[in-house]
Amino acid sequence: LDFETKVNWQEKHKMLRVSFPVNVFTDQASFDIQYGYLKRNTHRNTSWDFAKFEVAAHKYADLSQDNFGVAILNDCKYGHKVLGNVLDLNLLRSTTYPDPDADIGEHKFTYSLLPHKGNLVNSNVFVEAAKLNQGIMCFPGMETNNNNLPCKIMSDGISIEVIKKAEKSNDLILRLVEYKGLNSKGKIVFGKYPVKISETNLIEWEENPTVIIESDFEIELKPFEIRTYRINNPF
């Protein structure tokens, strides 16, 4: 259920929030972070929990039992609060310090409520949150069937987060992430073979032996593991 919202915000010292009481009861909620998620308590049993007014999350916050759950998705709003069975999202606020005109003006954003079967790991929350934040882009003058991608990933748990040119060569850098918190398997399918591939680190300094592959490249990642590959002359 998408809430496409347009607001002309002219308030001072006020906050606009949206809350959804849901029929889910659990002691922890899951909050999206870059390349993974964190679990935080939904109660205030400790002084640390009581001190948290809201917490940060990127694309979603999810409240799940083993058999079903509900997530709140967003495309640009990151202040969340989950207390008991209530999902709460900070939409706008109007502080006057240090910026006296914070959030003043017109805004356009979308947030969504997503009921789902199963817990977070077995749900479609990851995919739907990515779709909301990475919509389809159309480029005039390009053929609709021209989808000759350099590579794609076949996996339920591993995603390609970065495809870019290498910093000091014309090679292609491919960054993979395990996002479900599980041991996940998959394979990289290239648009052209053979391919020279080697593993490197995040800053592209560390080099491992280059392997020439003639078919799909099978991989296995640990929970939340980040792995970077250098592809030599992928085209």
Protein backbone atom coordinates (compact mmCIF):
# COMPACT_ATOMS: atom_id res chain seq x y z
CA LEU A 1 0.00 0.00 0.00
CA ASP A 2 1.82 3.11 -1.27
CA PHE A 3 1.28 6.56 0.21
CA GLU A 4 2.42 9.04 -2.44
CA THR A 5 2.60 12.28 -0.47
CA LYS A 6 2.87 15.94 -1.41
CA VAL A 7 3.23 18.50 1.40
CA ASN A 8 3.66 22.27 1.50
CA TRP A 9 5.27 22.48 4.94
CA GLN A 10 5.22 25.88 6.67
CA GLU A 11 5.28 24.86 10.35
CA LYS A 12 7.66 25.78 13.18
CA HIS A 13 8.62 23.53 16.11
CA LYS A 14 6.33 20.75 14.96
CA MET A 15 6.83 17.21 13.70
CA LEU A 16 4.75 15.23 11.22
CA ARG A 17 4.72 11.47 11.83
CA VAL A 18 2.70 8.49 10.68
CA SER A 19 1.92 5.47 12.88
CA PHE A 20 0.56 2.02 12.06
CA PRO A 21 -0.59 -0.26 14.92
CA VAL A 22 -0.29 -3.80 13.56
CA ASN A 23 -1.33 -7.23 14.78
CA VAL A 24 2.26 -8.41 15.30
CA PHE A 25 3.78 -9.03 18.71
CA THR A 26 7.52 -9.58 19.07
CA ASP A 27 10.28 -8.19 21.27
CA GLN A 28 12.55 -7.04 18.40
CA ALA A 29 12.18 -5.18 15.11
CA SER A 30 14.56 -5.16 12.14
CA PHE A 31 15.94 -1.93 10.66
CA ASP A 32 17.67 -1.63 7.31
CA ILE A 33 21.25 -0.35 7.23
CA GLN A 34 23.74 -0.27 4.39
CA TYR A 35 24.43 -3.86 3.31
CA GLY A 36 22.39 -5.49 6.07
CA TYR A 37 19.99 -4.88 8.93
CA LEU A 38 20.00 -4.44 12.71
CA LYS A 39 17.60 -5.79 15.31
CA ARG A 40 16.47 -3.46 18.10
CA ASN A 41 14.14 -3.95 21.05
CA THR A 42 10.49 -2.96 20.77
CA HIS A 43 10.17 -2.45 24.54
CA ARG A 44 11.57 -0.04 27.12
CA ASN A 45 12.78 -2.43 29.79
CA THR A 46 16.21 -0.83 30.14
CA SER A 47 17.42 2.74 30.52
CA TRP A 48 19.11 2.45 27.11
CA ASP A 49 15.83 1.49 25.44
CA PHE A 50 13.94 4.20 27.29
CA ALA A 51 16.41 6.87 26.11
CA LYS A 52 15.83 6.12 22.42
CA PHE A 53 13.20 8.44 20.98
CA GLU A 54 13.76 7.13 17.46
CA VAL A 55 16.41 5.24 15.51
CA ALA A 56 17.81 5.48 12.00
CA ALA A 57 16.97 3.06 9.21
CA HIS A 58 17.41 3.28 5.46
CA LYS A 59 14.82 1.59 3.24
CA TYR A 60 12.60 -0.30 5.69
CA ALA A 61 11.68 -1.17 9.27
CA ASP A 62 10.10 -4.57 9.80
CA LEU A 63 8.09 -6.13 12.61
CA SER A 64 7.71 -9.88 12.16
CA GLN A 65 6.66 -13.05 13.88
CA ASP A 66 7.68 -16.44 12.49
CA ASN A 67 4.64 -16.78 10.23
CA PHE A 68 3.86 -13.20 9.16
CA GLY A 69 4.88 -9.60 9.59
CA VAL A 70 4.48 -6.00 8.45
CA ALA A 71 7.12 -3.60 7.13
CA ILE A 72 7.08 0.13 6.54
CA LEU A 73 9.11 1.17 3.49
CA ASN A 74 10.27 4.63 2.48
CA ASP A 75 12.17 6.35 -0.30
CA CYS A 76 13.81 9.19 1.68
CA LYS A 77 12.69 9.23 5.35
CA TYR A 78 14.99 7.67 7.92
CA GLY A 79 13.70 8.41 11.44
CA HIS A 80 11.87 5.33 12.76
CA LYS A 81 10.28 4.36 16.04
CA VAL A 82 8.89 0.92 16.86
CA LEU A 83 7.32 0.59 20.29
CA GLY A 84 5.28 -2.50 21.07
CA ASN A 85 3.29 -3.29 17.94
CA VAL A 86 3.33 0.23 16.45
CA LEU A 87 5.42 1.11 13.38
CA ASP A 88 6.12 4.85 13.34
CA LEU A 89 7.92 6.98 10.72
CA ASN A 90 9.13 10.58 10.95
CA LEU A 91 7.98 12.41 7.80
CA LEU A 92 8.79 16.09 8.45
CA ARG A 93 10.03 18.28 11.27
CA SER A 94 10.57 22.00 11.68
CA THR A 95 13.43 22.80 14.01
CA THR A 96 14.80 26.35 13.95
CA TYR A 97 18.41 25.68 14.97
CA PRO A 98 20.90 25.56 13.37
CA ASP A 99 18.75 26.02 10.25
CA PRO A 100 15.80 28.38 10.88
CA ASP A 101 14.06 27.13 7.72
CA ALA A 102 14.56 23.39 8.10
CA ASP A 103 12.12 21.40 5.91
CA ILE A 104 10.17 24.56 5.02
CA GLY A 105 8.68 24.32 1.52
CA GLU A 106 7.21 21.72 -0.78
CA HIS A 107 8.01 18.02 -0.39
CA LYS A 108 7.20 14.93 -2.40
CA PHE A 109 7.90 11.46 -1.02
CA THR A 110 6.49 7.95 -0.82
CA TYR A 111 6.19 5.52 2.05
CA SER A 112 4.54 2.11 1.94
CA LEU A 113 2.96 -0.41 4.28
CA LEU A 114 3.81 -3.99 3.32
CA PRO A 115 2.17 -6.98 5.05
CA HIS A 116 3.97 -10.21 4.21
CA LYS A 117 4.03 -13.94 4.89
CA GLY A 118 6.84 -15.44 6.94
CA ASN A 119 9.53 -13.57 8.83
CA LEU A 120 11.78 -10.89 7.33
CA VAL A 121 14.33 -13.31 5.86
CA ASN A 122 11.64 -15.33 4.06
CA SER A 123 9.63 -12.32 2.87
CA ASN A 124 9.64 -9.98 -0.12
CA VAL A 125 10.59 -6.93 1.97
CA PHE A 126 14.14 -6.69 0.57
CA VAL A 127 12.96 -6.72 -3.04
CA GLU A 128 10.04 -4.33 -2.57
CA ALA A 129 12.19 -1.85 -0.61
CA ALA A 130 14.79 -1.88 -3.39
CA LYS A 131 12.10 -1.32 -6.04
CA LEU A 132 10.73 1.68 -4.15
CA ASN A 133 14.18 3.27 -3.92
CA GLN A 134 15.46 2.29 -7.37
CA GLY A 135 12.64 2.85 -9.80
CA ILE A 136 12.74 2.04 -13.50
CA MET A 137 14.57 4.68 -15.56
CA CYS A 138 13.74 5.36 -19.21
CA PHE A 139 16.30 6.72 -21.66
CA PRO A 140 14.99 8.16 -24.95
CA GLY A 141 16.64 6.94 -28.11
CA MET A 142 17.57 3.48 -26.78
CA GLU A 143 16.09 0.22 -28.03
CA THR A 144 13.73 -1.45 -25.58
CA ASN A 145 15.31 -4.87 -26.16
CA ASN A 146 18.88 -3.65 -25.75
CA ASN A 147 19.60 -5.35 -22.42
CA ASN A 148 23.17 -6.51 -23.03
CA LEU A 149 24.32 -6.20 -19.43
CA PRO A 150 27.93 -7.03 -18.55
CA CYS A 151 26.75 -9.43 -15.83
CA LYS A 152 23.88 -10.39 -13.55
CA ILE A 153 23.51 -12.34 -10.32
CA MET A 154 21.35 -15.42 -9.87
CA SER A 155 20.80 -15.74 -6.13
CA ASP A 156 18.27 -15.45 -3.34
CA GLY A 157 20.37 -13.59 -0.78
CA ILE A 158 23.22 -12.03 -2.76
CA SER A 159 22.92 -8.79 -4.70
CA ILE A 160 25.15 -6.72 -6.95
CA GLU A 161 25.47 -3.39 -5.16
CA VAL A 162 28.19 -1.75 -7.26
CA ILE A 163 29.23 -1.97 -10.90
CA LYS A 164 31.84 0.63 -11.78
CA LYS A 165 35.06 1.31 -13.63
CA ALA A 166 38.23 0.52 -11.69
CA GLU A 167 40.09 3.48 -10.20
CA LYS A 168 43.38 2.89 -12.05
CA SER A 169 42.46 0.78 -15.08
CA ASN A 170 39.69 0.08 -17.55
CA ASP A 171 38.64 -3.05 -15.68
CA LEU A 172 35.17 -3.48 -14.23
CA ILE A 173 34.70 -3.55 -10.45
CA LEU A 174 31.88 -5.73 -9.17
CA ARG A 175 30.79 -5.55 -5.51
CA LEU A 176 28.54 -8.27 -4.09
CA VAL A 177 26.72 -8.26 -0.76
CA GLU A 178 24.94 -10.95 1.24
CA TYR A 179 21.92 -9.07 2.61
CA LYS A 180 19.79 -11.67 4.44
CA GLY A 181 22.20 -12.59 7.22
CA LEU A 182 22.59 -16.19 5.99
CA ASN A 183 25.15 -18.34 4.23
CA SER A 184 24.00 -17.70 0.66
CA LYS A 185 25.00 -19.22 -2.66
CA GLY A 186 24.65 -17.86 -6.16
CA LYS A 187 26.27 -17.51 -9.54
CA ILE A 188 27.37 -14.60 -11.69
CA VAL A 189 26.26 -14.83 -15.30
CA PHE A 190 28.34 -12.76 -17.72
CA GLY A 191 27.20 -11.38 -21.04
CA LYS A 192 30.35 -12.56 -22.78
CA TYR A 193 32.90 -15.34 -22.25
CA PRO A 194 35.73 -15.99 -21.53
CA VAL A 195 36.18 -13.61 -18.59
CA LYS A 196 39.24 -12.92 -16.46
CA ILE A 197 38.22 -12.40 -12.83
CA SER A 198 40.15 -11.81 -9.61
CA GLU A 199 39.11 -10.92 -6.07
CA THR A 200 40.25 -7.61 -4.61
CA ASN A 201 39.44 -5.44 -1.59
CA LEU A 202 37.22 -2.38 -1.19
CA ILE A 203 39.97 0.06 -2.17
CA GLU A 204 41.14 -2.16 -5.05
CA TRP A 205 44.68 -2.55 -3.73
CA GLU A 206 44.80 -6.21 -2.79
CA GLU A 207 45.09 -8.57 -5.73
CA ASN A 208 44.48 -12.31 -5.82
CA PRO A 209 45.32 -14.72 -8.66
CA THR A 210 43.34 -14.14 -11.85
CA VAL A 211 41.05 -16.94 -12.99
CA ILE A 212 39.82 -17.38 -16.55
CA ILE A 213 36.24 -18.63 -16.59
CA GLU A 214 34.29 -20.00 -19.53
CA SER A 215 30.88 -20.31 -17.85
CA ASP A 216 28.85 -19.06 -14.89
CA PHE A 217 30.92 -18.15 -11.81
CA GLU A 218 29.60 -19.79 -8.63
CA ILE A 219 30.04 -18.02 -5.29
CA GLU A 220 29.13 -18.50 -1.63
CA LEU A 221 29.04 -15.63 0.88
CA LYS A 222 28.85 -15.61 4.66
CA PRO A 223 26.16 -13.58 6.49
CA PHE A 224 26.42 -9.89 5.50
CA GLU A 225 29.73 -10.52 3.73
CA ILE A 226 30.95 -7.96 1.19
CA ARG A 227 33.10 -9.22 -1.66
CA THR A 228 34.71 -7.26 -4.50
CA TYR A 229 35.86 -8.63 -7.86
CA ARG A 230 37.91 -7.16 -10.68
CA ILE A 231 36.73 -8.16 -14.15
CA ASN A 232 39.34 -7.78 -16.91
CA ASN A 233 37.98 -6.55 -20.24
CA PRO A 234 34.35 -7.63 -19.68
CA PHE A 235 33.32 -6.54 -23.18
